[in-house]
């Protein structure tokens, strides 16, 4: 499996699996121990979401215990959106948008210290992601995804948010009491 560090965030890694295709379809390894070795993490939980077109999930983060996520689109397409929320980081408040789909099958590593979001670009988009910690609602928060100037190439009026994400704090609120120094 090939991998490349992100140009702005070297902690963020995009893995590209070797895909073996023929007239029957295709096969690839979506995860193996090599990924954990490269990232130096252990995964404890896996989640699966199915979304309608233009559903934005995020920006979610967890600080106790910290959580990293390894994301891939199983079916459909979308944008993995990451936000650096480490106050002392030189890239604090910067974002990156990584296309994820069932054609390239790329896998996105979002480490702790980043808020993670995902925008579905098709109906019935399935996203699976492994987590380095078990979800802890008590220490989990969200930053309102539309409180940042994101270039998603989608009119904001079409974006669908959950009630949790609609009521999430604005980035300015997070900035006053950051969870990651």
N, C-alpha and C. Protein backbone atom coordinates (compact mmCIF):
# COMPACT_ATOMS: atom_id res chain seq x y z
N UNK A 1 0.85 -1.17 0.00
CA UNK A 1 0.00 0.00 0.00
C UNK A 1 0.89 1.24 0.00
N UNK A 2 0.64 2.13 -0.92
CA UNK A 2 1.40 3.38 -0.98
C UNK A 2 0.76 4.39 -0.04
N UNK A 3 1.56 5.35 0.41
CA UNK A 3 1.00 6.42 1.23
C UNK A 3 1.79 7.70 1.02
N UNK A 4 1.10 8.81 1.30
CA UNK A 4 1.71 10.11 1.12
C UNK A 4 1.26 11.03 2.24
N UNK A 5 2.21 11.78 2.81
CA UNK A 5 1.88 12.76 3.83
C UNK A 5 1.26 13.98 3.14
N UNK A 6 0.30 14.59 3.83
CA UNK A 6 -0.35 15.77 3.28
C UNK A 6 0.64 16.93 3.23
N UNK A 7 0.53 17.79 2.22
CA UNK A 7 1.49 18.88 2.03
C UNK A 7 1.43 19.94 3.13
N UNK A 8 0.26 20.20 3.68
CA UNK A 8 0.12 21.20 4.75
C UNK A 8 0.27 20.56 6.12
N UNK A 9 -0.34 19.40 6.30
CA UNK A 9 -0.34 18.70 7.58
C UNK A 9 0.43 17.37 7.44
N UNK A 10 1.71 17.34 7.78
CA UNK A 10 2.46 16.09 7.60
C UNK A 10 1.97 14.95 8.49
N UNK A 11 1.19 15.26 9.52
CA UNK A 11 0.62 14.21 10.39
C UNK A 11 -0.54 13.49 9.71
N UNK A 12 -1.13 14.15 8.71
CA UNK A 12 -2.26 13.59 7.96
C UNK A 12 -1.69 12.79 6.80
N UNK A 13 -2.18 11.56 6.65
CA UNK A 13 -1.64 10.66 5.63
C UNK A 13 -2.79 10.13 4.77
N UNK A 14 -2.54 10.06 3.47
CA UNK A 14 -3.49 9.45 2.54
C UNK A 14 -2.86 8.16 2.01
N UNK A 15 -3.54 7.05 2.25
CA UNK A 15 -3.09 5.74 1.78
C UNK A 15 -3.79 5.41 0.47
N UNK A 16 -3.06 4.84 -0.47
CA UNK A 16 -3.64 4.40 -1.74
C UNK A 16 -3.36 2.91 -1.89
N UNK A 17 -4.40 2.10 -1.78
CA UNK A 17 -4.19 0.65 -1.90
C UNK A 17 -3.94 0.21 -3.33
N UNK A 18 -3.30 -0.92 -3.47
CA UNK A 18 -3.14 -1.54 -4.79
C UNK A 18 -4.45 -2.27 -5.10
N UNK A 19 -5.08 -1.88 -6.19
CA UNK A 19 -6.37 -2.45 -6.58
C UNK A 19 -6.14 -3.43 -7.72
N UNK A 20 -6.67 -4.64 -7.56
CA UNK A 20 -6.57 -5.67 -8.58
C UNK A 20 -7.95 -5.81 -9.24
N UNK A 21 -8.02 -5.39 -10.51
CA UNK A 21 -9.30 -5.37 -11.23
C UNK A 21 -9.29 -6.37 -12.38
N UNK A 22 -10.45 -6.92 -12.66
CA UNK A 22 -10.66 -7.72 -13.86
C UNK A 22 -12.14 -7.67 -14.21
N UNK A 23 -12.59 -8.50 -15.13
CA UNK A 23 -13.98 -8.46 -15.59
C UNK A 23 -14.99 -8.77 -14.48
N UNK A 24 -14.54 -9.39 -13.39
CA UNK A 24 -15.44 -9.73 -12.28
C UNK A 24 -15.68 -8.57 -11.33
N UNK A 25 -14.75 -7.62 -11.32
CA UNK A 25 -14.81 -6.52 -10.37
C UNK A 25 -13.41 -6.17 -9.89
N UNK A 26 -13.26 -5.96 -8.59
CA UNK A 26 -11.93 -5.65 -8.08
C UNK A 26 -11.76 -6.18 -6.67
N UNK A 27 -10.49 -6.19 -6.23
CA UNK A 27 -10.12 -6.61 -4.88
C UNK A 27 -9.00 -5.70 -4.41
N UNK A 28 -9.04 -5.30 -3.14
CA UNK A 28 -7.90 -4.61 -2.54
C UNK A 28 -7.96 -4.78 -1.03
N UNK A 29 -6.80 -4.65 -0.39
CA UNK A 29 -6.73 -4.68 1.06
C UNK A 29 -7.01 -3.27 1.56
N UNK A 30 -8.10 -3.13 2.31
CA UNK A 30 -8.46 -1.80 2.83
C UNK A 30 -7.76 -1.52 4.16
N UNK A 31 -7.25 -2.55 4.78
CA UNK A 31 -6.52 -2.37 6.03
C UNK A 31 -5.65 -3.60 6.26
N UNK A 32 -4.45 -3.36 6.75
CA UNK A 32 -3.62 -4.43 7.27
C UNK A 32 -2.72 -3.84 8.35
N UNK A 33 -1.97 -4.66 9.02
CA UNK A 33 -1.15 -4.25 10.15
C UNK A 33 -0.11 -3.20 9.75
N UNK A 34 0.27 -3.16 8.48
CA UNK A 34 1.24 -2.16 8.02
C UNK A 34 0.75 -0.75 8.32
N UNK A 35 -0.54 -0.50 8.13
CA UNK A 35 -1.08 0.84 8.41
C UNK A 35 -0.89 1.20 9.88
N UNK A 36 -1.24 0.28 10.78
CA UNK A 36 -1.05 0.55 12.21
C UNK A 36 0.42 0.78 12.54
N UNK A 37 1.30 0.04 11.88
CA UNK A 37 2.75 0.21 12.12
C UNK A 37 3.22 1.59 11.66
N UNK A 38 2.77 2.03 10.51
CA UNK A 38 3.15 3.35 10.00
C UNK A 38 2.63 4.45 10.92
N UNK A 39 1.38 4.30 11.35
CA UNK A 39 0.74 5.33 12.18
C UNK A 39 1.11 5.22 13.65
N UNK A 40 1.62 4.06 14.05
CA UNK A 40 1.95 3.79 15.46
C UNK A 40 0.72 3.94 16.36
N UNK A 41 -0.39 3.35 15.90
CA UNK A 41 -1.63 3.37 16.67
C UNK A 41 -2.28 1.99 16.63
N UNK A 42 -3.24 1.82 17.52
CA UNK A 42 -4.07 0.62 17.53
C UNK A 42 -5.52 1.09 17.37
N UNK A 43 -6.29 0.39 16.56
CA UNK A 43 -7.69 0.77 16.36
C UNK A 43 -8.59 -0.05 17.27
N UNK A 44 -9.54 0.63 17.93
CA UNK A 44 -10.40 -0.01 18.92
C UNK A 44 -11.87 -0.05 18.52
N UNK A 45 -12.25 0.69 17.51
CA UNK A 45 -13.65 0.78 17.14
C UNK A 45 -13.73 1.06 15.65
N UNK A 46 -14.79 0.55 15.01
CA UNK A 46 -15.05 0.89 13.60
C UNK A 46 -16.49 1.34 13.48
N UNK A 47 -16.71 2.42 12.71
CA UNK A 47 -18.03 2.98 12.50
C UNK A 47 -18.36 2.99 11.02
N UNK A 48 -19.66 3.02 10.73
CA UNK A 48 -20.13 3.01 9.34
C UNK A 48 -21.30 3.98 9.26
N UNK A 49 -21.23 4.92 8.32
CA UNK A 49 -22.36 5.84 8.11
C UNK A 49 -22.81 5.75 6.66
N UNK A 50 -24.09 5.96 6.47
CA UNK A 50 -24.69 6.05 5.14
C UNK A 50 -25.33 7.43 5.06
N UNK A 51 -25.04 8.15 3.98
CA UNK A 51 -25.52 9.53 3.89
C UNK A 51 -26.18 9.83 2.55
N UNK A 52 -27.15 10.74 2.62
CA UNK A 52 -27.74 11.31 1.41
C UNK A 52 -26.76 12.33 0.84
N UNK A 53 -27.02 12.74 -0.39
CA UNK A 53 -26.19 13.76 -1.04
C UNK A 53 -26.21 15.05 -0.22
N UNK A 54 -25.06 15.63 -0.03
CA UNK A 54 -24.81 16.90 0.65
C UNK A 54 -24.99 16.86 2.17
N UNK A 55 -24.98 15.69 2.75
CA UNK A 55 -24.94 15.59 4.22
C UNK A 55 -23.50 15.90 4.65
N UNK A 56 -23.36 16.83 5.59
CA UNK A 56 -22.05 17.13 6.19
C UNK A 56 -22.08 16.62 7.62
N UNK A 57 -21.17 15.72 7.93
CA UNK A 57 -21.03 15.19 9.29
C UNK A 57 -19.73 15.76 9.86
N UNK A 58 -19.85 16.51 10.95
CA UNK A 58 -18.63 17.06 11.55
C UNK A 58 -18.77 18.56 11.73
N UNK A 59 -17.78 19.18 12.16
CA UNK A 59 -16.43 18.81 12.56
C UNK A 59 -16.44 18.25 13.98
N UNK A 60 -16.15 16.98 14.12
CA UNK A 60 -16.18 16.32 15.42
C UNK A 60 -14.75 16.10 15.93
N UNK A 61 -14.62 16.13 17.24
CA UNK A 61 -13.33 15.83 17.87
C UNK A 61 -13.59 15.30 19.27
N UNK A 62 -12.61 14.58 19.80
CA UNK A 62 -12.70 14.00 21.15
C UNK A 62 -11.35 14.19 21.80
N UNK A 63 -11.36 14.64 23.07
CA UNK A 63 -10.10 14.93 23.74
C UNK A 63 -9.80 14.01 24.91
N UNK A 64 -10.75 13.20 25.37
CA UNK A 64 -10.47 12.30 26.48
C UNK A 64 -11.26 11.02 26.31
N UNK A 65 -10.63 9.96 25.89
CA UNK A 65 -9.26 9.92 25.37
C UNK A 65 -9.23 10.53 23.97
N UNK A 66 -8.04 10.96 23.56
CA UNK A 66 -7.90 11.54 22.21
C UNK A 66 -8.25 10.46 21.20
N UNK A 67 -8.68 10.90 20.03
CA UNK A 67 -9.11 9.93 19.02
C UNK A 67 -8.59 10.32 17.64
N UNK A 68 -8.05 9.34 16.95
CA UNK A 68 -7.66 9.48 15.55
C UNK A 68 -8.58 8.61 14.72
N UNK A 69 -8.76 8.96 13.45
CA UNK A 69 -9.70 8.24 12.59
C UNK A 69 -9.06 7.90 11.25
N UNK A 70 -9.33 6.70 10.79
CA UNK A 70 -8.88 6.21 9.49
C UNK A 70 -10.13 6.01 8.64
N UNK A 71 -10.34 6.89 7.65
CA UNK A 71 -11.60 6.93 6.88
C UNK A 71 -11.44 6.42 5.46
N UNK A 72 -12.50 5.76 4.97
CA UNK A 72 -12.56 5.41 3.56
C UNK A 72 -14.02 5.31 3.13
N UNK A 73 -14.26 5.69 1.89
CA UNK A 73 -15.60 5.58 1.32
C UNK A 73 -15.72 4.19 0.71
N UNK A 74 -16.74 3.47 1.12
CA UNK A 74 -17.00 2.12 0.61
C UNK A 74 -17.82 2.19 -0.67
N UNK A 75 -18.77 3.13 -0.70
CA UNK A 75 -19.65 3.29 -1.85
C UNK A 75 -20.02 4.76 -1.97
N UNK A 76 -19.90 5.31 -3.18
CA UNK A 76 -20.25 6.71 -3.39
C UNK A 76 -19.01 7.59 -3.40
N UNK A 77 -19.22 8.87 -3.03
CA UNK A 77 -18.10 9.80 -3.01
C UNK A 77 -18.37 10.94 -2.03
N UNK A 78 -17.29 11.56 -1.62
CA UNK A 78 -17.41 12.67 -0.69
C UNK A 78 -16.09 13.36 -0.49
N UNK A 79 -16.09 14.28 0.46
CA UNK A 79 -14.90 15.03 0.79
C UNK A 79 -14.58 14.83 2.26
N UNK A 80 -13.38 14.34 2.54
CA UNK A 80 -12.88 14.32 3.90
C UNK A 80 -12.36 15.71 4.20
N UNK A 81 -12.86 16.31 5.28
CA UNK A 81 -12.49 17.69 5.60
C UNK A 81 -11.88 17.69 7.00
N UNK A 82 -10.67 18.21 7.09
CA UNK A 82 -9.99 18.23 8.39
C UNK A 82 -9.65 19.66 8.77
N UNK A 83 -9.64 19.89 10.07
CA UNK A 83 -9.40 21.22 10.64
C UNK A 83 -8.41 21.07 11.78
N UNK A 84 -7.31 21.79 11.73
CA UNK A 84 -6.31 21.75 12.80
C UNK A 84 -6.84 22.56 13.98
N UNK A 85 -7.04 21.90 15.11
CA UNK A 85 -7.56 22.58 16.31
C UNK A 85 -6.53 22.59 17.45
N UNK A 86 -5.27 22.43 17.10
CA UNK A 86 -4.18 22.50 18.08
C UNK A 86 -3.72 23.96 18.16
N UNK A 87 -4.07 24.62 19.24
CA UNK A 87 -3.87 26.07 19.39
C UNK A 87 -2.42 26.50 19.14
N UNK A 88 -1.43 25.71 19.56
CA UNK A 88 -0.03 26.11 19.40
C UNK A 88 0.56 25.70 18.05
N UNK A 89 -0.21 25.05 17.22
CA UNK A 89 0.28 24.59 15.93
C UNK A 89 0.44 25.76 14.95
N UNK A 90 1.44 25.66 14.10
CA UNK A 90 1.64 26.67 13.05
C UNK A 90 0.52 26.63 12.01
N UNK A 91 -0.22 25.52 11.97
CA UNK A 91 -1.32 25.39 11.00
C UNK A 91 -2.69 25.46 11.68
N UNK A 92 -2.71 26.01 12.90
CA UNK A 92 -3.97 26.16 13.64
C UNK A 92 -5.02 26.86 12.78
N UNK A 93 -6.21 26.31 12.77
CA UNK A 93 -7.39 26.82 12.06
C UNK A 93 -7.34 26.58 10.55
N UNK A 94 -6.28 25.99 10.06
CA UNK A 94 -6.22 25.69 8.63
C UNK A 94 -6.98 24.40 8.35
N UNK A 95 -7.49 24.30 7.15
CA UNK A 95 -8.26 23.12 6.76
C UNK A 95 -7.65 22.47 5.52
N UNK A 96 -8.01 21.23 5.33
CA UNK A 96 -7.65 20.52 4.10
C UNK A 96 -8.86 19.70 3.68
N UNK A 97 -9.04 19.59 2.38
CA UNK A 97 -10.16 18.85 1.82
C UNK A 97 -9.58 17.76 0.92
N UNK A 98 -9.93 16.51 1.23
CA UNK A 98 -9.40 15.37 0.50
C UNK A 98 -10.55 14.59 -0.12
N UNK A 99 -10.59 14.49 -1.45
CA UNK A 99 -11.65 13.69 -2.10
C UNK A 99 -11.49 12.21 -1.73
N UNK A 100 -12.60 11.59 -1.39
CA UNK A 100 -12.64 10.16 -1.09
C UNK A 100 -13.78 9.55 -1.88
N UNK A 101 -13.52 8.42 -2.52
CA UNK A 101 -14.59 7.80 -3.31
C UNK A 101 -14.31 6.32 -3.52
N UNK A 102 -15.29 5.64 -4.11
CA UNK A 102 -15.17 4.20 -4.34
C UNK A 102 -14.45 3.87 -5.64
N UNK A 103 -13.85 4.87 -6.27
CA UNK A 103 -13.06 4.64 -7.48
C UNK A 103 -11.57 4.60 -7.15
N UNK A 104 -11.09 5.62 -6.42
CA UNK A 104 -9.67 5.64 -6.03
C UNK A 104 -9.44 4.78 -4.78
N UNK A 105 -10.48 4.64 -3.95
CA UNK A 105 -10.40 3.85 -2.71
C UNK A 105 -9.33 4.36 -1.75
N UNK A 106 -9.00 5.65 -1.82
CA UNK A 106 -8.01 6.19 -0.91
C UNK A 106 -8.53 6.20 0.52
N UNK A 107 -7.60 6.13 1.44
CA UNK A 107 -7.90 6.02 2.87
C UNK A 107 -7.22 7.19 3.57
N UNK A 108 -7.97 7.94 4.36
CA UNK A 108 -7.48 9.16 5.00
C UNK A 108 -7.25 8.95 6.49
N UNK A 109 -6.06 9.26 6.94
CA UNK A 109 -5.73 9.24 8.37
C UNK A 109 -5.84 10.65 8.92
N UNK A 110 -6.74 10.84 9.91
CA UNK A 110 -6.90 12.10 10.61
C UNK A 110 -6.50 11.88 12.07
N UNK A 111 -5.34 12.37 12.49
CA UNK A 111 -4.87 12.11 13.86
C UNK A 111 -5.58 12.99 14.89
N UNK A 112 -5.36 12.65 16.16
CA UNK A 112 -5.88 13.47 17.27
C UNK A 112 -5.32 14.88 17.12
N UNK A 113 -6.11 15.86 17.54
CA UNK A 113 -5.72 17.26 17.41
C UNK A 113 -6.31 17.92 16.19
N UNK A 114 -7.05 17.14 15.43
CA UNK A 114 -7.76 17.65 14.26
C UNK A 114 -9.24 17.35 14.43
N UNK A 115 -10.08 18.29 14.05
CA UNK A 115 -11.51 18.02 13.97
C UNK A 115 -11.75 17.46 12.58
N UNK A 116 -12.61 16.47 12.49
CA UNK A 116 -12.83 15.77 11.23
C UNK A 116 -14.27 15.92 10.79
N UNK A 117 -14.44 16.14 9.49
CA UNK A 117 -15.77 16.21 8.90
C UNK A 117 -15.80 15.46 7.59
N UNK A 118 -17.02 15.22 7.11
CA UNK A 118 -17.18 14.51 5.84
C UNK A 118 -18.43 15.05 5.15
N UNK A 119 -18.28 15.42 3.88
CA UNK A 119 -19.39 15.87 3.06
C UNK A 119 -19.66 14.83 1.99
N UNK A 120 -20.87 14.27 2.00
CA UNK A 120 -21.26 13.29 0.98
C UNK A 120 -21.63 14.02 -0.31
N UNK A 121 -21.14 13.51 -1.43
CA UNK A 121 -21.43 14.13 -2.72
C UNK A 121 -22.42 13.33 -3.55
N UNK A 122 -22.87 12.19 -3.03
CA UNK A 122 -23.83 11.34 -3.73
C UNK A 122 -24.80 10.75 -2.71
N UNK A 123 -26.01 10.43 -3.18
CA UNK A 123 -26.92 9.68 -2.32
C UNK A 123 -26.32 8.30 -2.05
N UNK A 124 -26.65 7.75 -0.90
CA UNK A 124 -26.21 6.41 -0.50
C UNK A 124 -24.70 6.27 -0.44
N UNK A 125 -24.03 7.31 0.02
CA UNK A 125 -22.59 7.22 0.22
C UNK A 125 -22.33 6.56 1.56
N UNK A 126 -21.51 5.51 1.53
CA UNK A 126 -21.15 4.77 2.74
C UNK A 126 -19.71 5.11 3.12
N UNK A 127 -19.54 5.54 4.36
CA UNK A 127 -18.23 5.88 4.91
C UNK A 127 -17.95 4.93 6.07
N UNK A 128 -16.80 4.29 6.06
CA UNK A 128 -16.36 3.47 7.19
C UNK A 128 -15.12 4.11 7.77
N UNK A 129 -15.03 4.11 9.10
CA UNK A 129 -13.83 4.65 9.70
C UNK A 129 -13.49 3.94 10.99
N UNK A 130 -12.20 3.66 11.11
CA UNK A 130 -11.65 3.04 12.31
C UNK A 130 -11.22 4.15 13.26
N UNK A 131 -11.35 3.89 14.57
CA UNK A 131 -11.02 4.89 15.58
C UNK A 131 -10.00 4.33 16.56
N UNK A 132 -9.11 5.20 17.03
CA UNK A 132 -8.08 4.77 17.98
C UNK A 132 -8.58 4.71 19.41
N UNK A 133 -9.78 5.21 19.67
CA UNK A 133 -10.38 5.17 21.00
C UNK A 133 -11.87 4.86 20.85
N UNK A 134 -12.45 4.43 21.94
CA UNK A 134 -13.89 4.23 21.98
C UNK A 134 -14.54 5.60 22.12
N UNK A 135 -15.63 5.80 21.43
CA UNK A 135 -16.33 7.08 21.49
C UNK A 135 -16.77 7.38 22.92
N UNK A 136 -16.51 8.60 23.36
CA UNK A 136 -16.86 9.04 24.70
C UNK A 136 -17.64 10.35 24.57
N UNK A 137 -18.98 10.24 24.58
CA UNK A 137 -19.84 11.41 24.35
C UNK A 137 -19.56 12.54 25.32
N UNK A 138 -19.15 12.21 26.54
CA UNK A 138 -18.89 13.23 27.55
C UNK A 138 -17.75 14.17 27.15
N UNK A 139 -16.78 13.64 26.39
CA UNK A 139 -15.61 14.43 25.99
C UNK A 139 -15.53 14.59 24.48
N UNK A 140 -16.68 14.66 23.85
CA UNK A 140 -16.77 14.83 22.41
C UNK A 140 -17.52 16.12 22.12
N UNK A 141 -17.04 16.88 21.15
CA UNK A 141 -17.71 18.11 20.75
C UNK A 141 -17.65 18.25 19.24
N UNK A 142 -18.31 19.29 18.76
CA UNK A 142 -18.31 19.58 17.33
C UNK A 142 -18.18 21.09 17.13
N UNK A 143 -17.57 21.44 16.04
CA UNK A 143 -17.47 22.83 15.59
C UNK A 143 -18.38 22.95 14.37
N UNK A 144 -19.21 23.98 14.37
CA UNK A 144 -20.17 24.15 13.27
C UNK A 144 -19.40 24.23 11.94
N UNK A 145 -19.70 23.31 11.02
CA UNK A 145 -18.92 23.27 9.77
C UNK A 145 -19.10 24.49 8.87
N UNK A 146 -20.20 25.19 9.02
CA UNK A 146 -20.42 26.36 8.16
C UNK A 146 -19.90 27.65 8.81
N UNK A 147 -19.23 27.52 9.99
CA UNK A 147 -18.65 28.70 10.63
C UNK A 147 -17.25 28.99 10.09
N UNK A 148 -16.80 28.17 9.16
CA UNK A 148 -15.50 28.37 8.53
C UNK A 148 -15.69 28.62 7.05
N UNK A 149 -14.75 29.28 6.46
CA UNK A 149 -14.81 29.56 5.02
C UNK A 149 -14.21 28.38 4.27
N UNK A 150 -15.04 27.39 3.96
CA UNK A 150 -14.60 26.18 3.27
C UNK A 150 -14.98 26.24 1.80
N UNK A 151 -14.08 25.82 0.95
CA UNK A 151 -14.35 25.78 -0.48
C UNK A 151 -14.79 24.36 -0.85
N UNK A 152 -16.08 24.09 -0.63
CA UNK A 152 -16.63 22.75 -0.86
C UNK A 152 -17.27 22.60 -2.24
N UNK A 153 -17.32 23.68 -3.00
CA UNK A 153 -17.98 23.68 -4.32
C UNK A 153 -19.43 23.24 -4.25
N UNK A 154 -20.08 23.53 -3.12
CA UNK A 154 -21.50 23.23 -2.91
C UNK A 154 -22.10 24.46 -2.24
N UNK A 155 -23.23 24.93 -2.74
CA UNK A 155 -23.91 26.06 -2.13
C UNK A 155 -24.33 25.66 -0.72
N UNK A 156 -24.02 26.51 0.27
CA UNK A 156 -24.31 26.20 1.67
C UNK A 156 -25.78 25.88 1.93
N UNK A 157 -26.67 26.42 1.12
CA UNK A 157 -28.11 26.18 1.34
C UNK A 157 -28.49 24.72 1.08
N UNK A 158 -27.66 23.98 0.34
CA UNK A 158 -27.95 22.58 0.05
C UNK A 158 -27.38 21.62 1.09
N UNK A 159 -26.49 22.10 1.94
CA UNK A 159 -25.83 21.23 2.92
C UNK A 159 -26.81 20.85 4.03
N UNK A 160 -26.83 19.57 4.34
CA UNK A 160 -27.72 19.01 5.35
C UNK A 160 -26.90 18.69 6.60
N UNK A 161 -27.33 19.22 7.74
CA UNK A 161 -26.65 19.00 9.02
C UNK A 161 -27.58 18.30 10.00
N UNK A 162 -27.01 17.51 10.89
CA UNK A 162 -27.78 16.94 11.99
C UNK A 162 -28.10 18.05 12.98
N UNK A 163 -29.01 17.81 13.90
CA UNK A 163 -29.32 18.81 14.94
C UNK A 163 -28.08 19.09 15.77
N UNK A 164 -27.31 18.05 16.08
CA UNK A 164 -26.07 18.22 16.85
C UNK A 164 -25.13 19.18 16.13
N UNK A 165 -24.95 18.99 14.83
CA UNK A 165 -24.03 19.85 14.09
C UNK A 165 -24.59 21.25 13.85
N UNK A 166 -25.91 21.36 13.70
CA UNK A 166 -26.53 22.69 13.59
C UNK A 166 -26.29 23.51 14.84
N UNK A 167 -26.29 22.83 16.00
CA UNK A 167 -26.13 23.50 17.29
C UNK A 167 -24.69 23.51 17.79
N UNK A 168 -23.77 23.06 16.98
CA UNK A 168 -22.37 23.01 17.38
C UNK A 168 -21.83 24.42 17.56
N UNK A 169 -20.75 24.53 18.34
CA UNK A 169 -20.15 25.84 18.58
C UNK A 169 -19.50 26.38 17.32
N UNK A 170 -19.45 27.68 17.23
CA UNK A 170 -18.72 28.33 16.16
C UNK A 170 -17.23 28.20 16.45
N UNK A 171 -16.41 28.31 15.42
CA UNK A 171 -14.97 28.19 15.66
C UNK A 171 -14.49 29.24 16.65
N UNK A 172 -15.05 30.42 16.62
CA UNK A 172 -14.65 31.48 17.54
C UNK A 172 -14.84 31.06 19.00
N UNK A 173 -15.89 30.28 19.28
CA UNK A 173 -16.11 29.77 20.63
C UNK A 173 -15.03 28.77 21.02
N UNK A 174 -14.71 27.86 20.10
CA UNK A 174 -13.65 26.89 20.37
C UNK A 174 -12.34 27.63 20.64
N UNK A 175 -12.07 28.66 19.87
CA UNK A 175 -10.82 29.42 19.97
C UNK A 175 -10.62 30.00 21.37
N UNK A 176 -11.71 30.32 22.05
CA UNK A 176 -11.61 30.88 23.40
C UNK A 176 -11.25 29.85 24.45
N UNK A 177 -11.67 28.58 24.22
CA UNK A 177 -11.38 27.50 25.19
C UNK A 177 -10.98 26.24 24.44
N UNK A 178 -9.81 26.25 23.80
CA UNK A 178 -9.41 25.08 23.01
C UNK A 178 -9.12 23.86 23.88
N UNK A 179 -9.44 22.70 23.36
CA UNK A 179 -9.17 21.44 24.06
C UNK A 179 -7.80 20.89 23.72
N UNK A 180 -7.21 21.37 22.62
CA UNK A 180 -5.88 20.93 22.21
C UNK A 180 -4.97 22.15 22.20
N UNK A 181 -3.97 22.16 23.04
CA UNK A 181 -3.03 23.30 23.14
C UNK A 181 -1.97 23.10 22.13
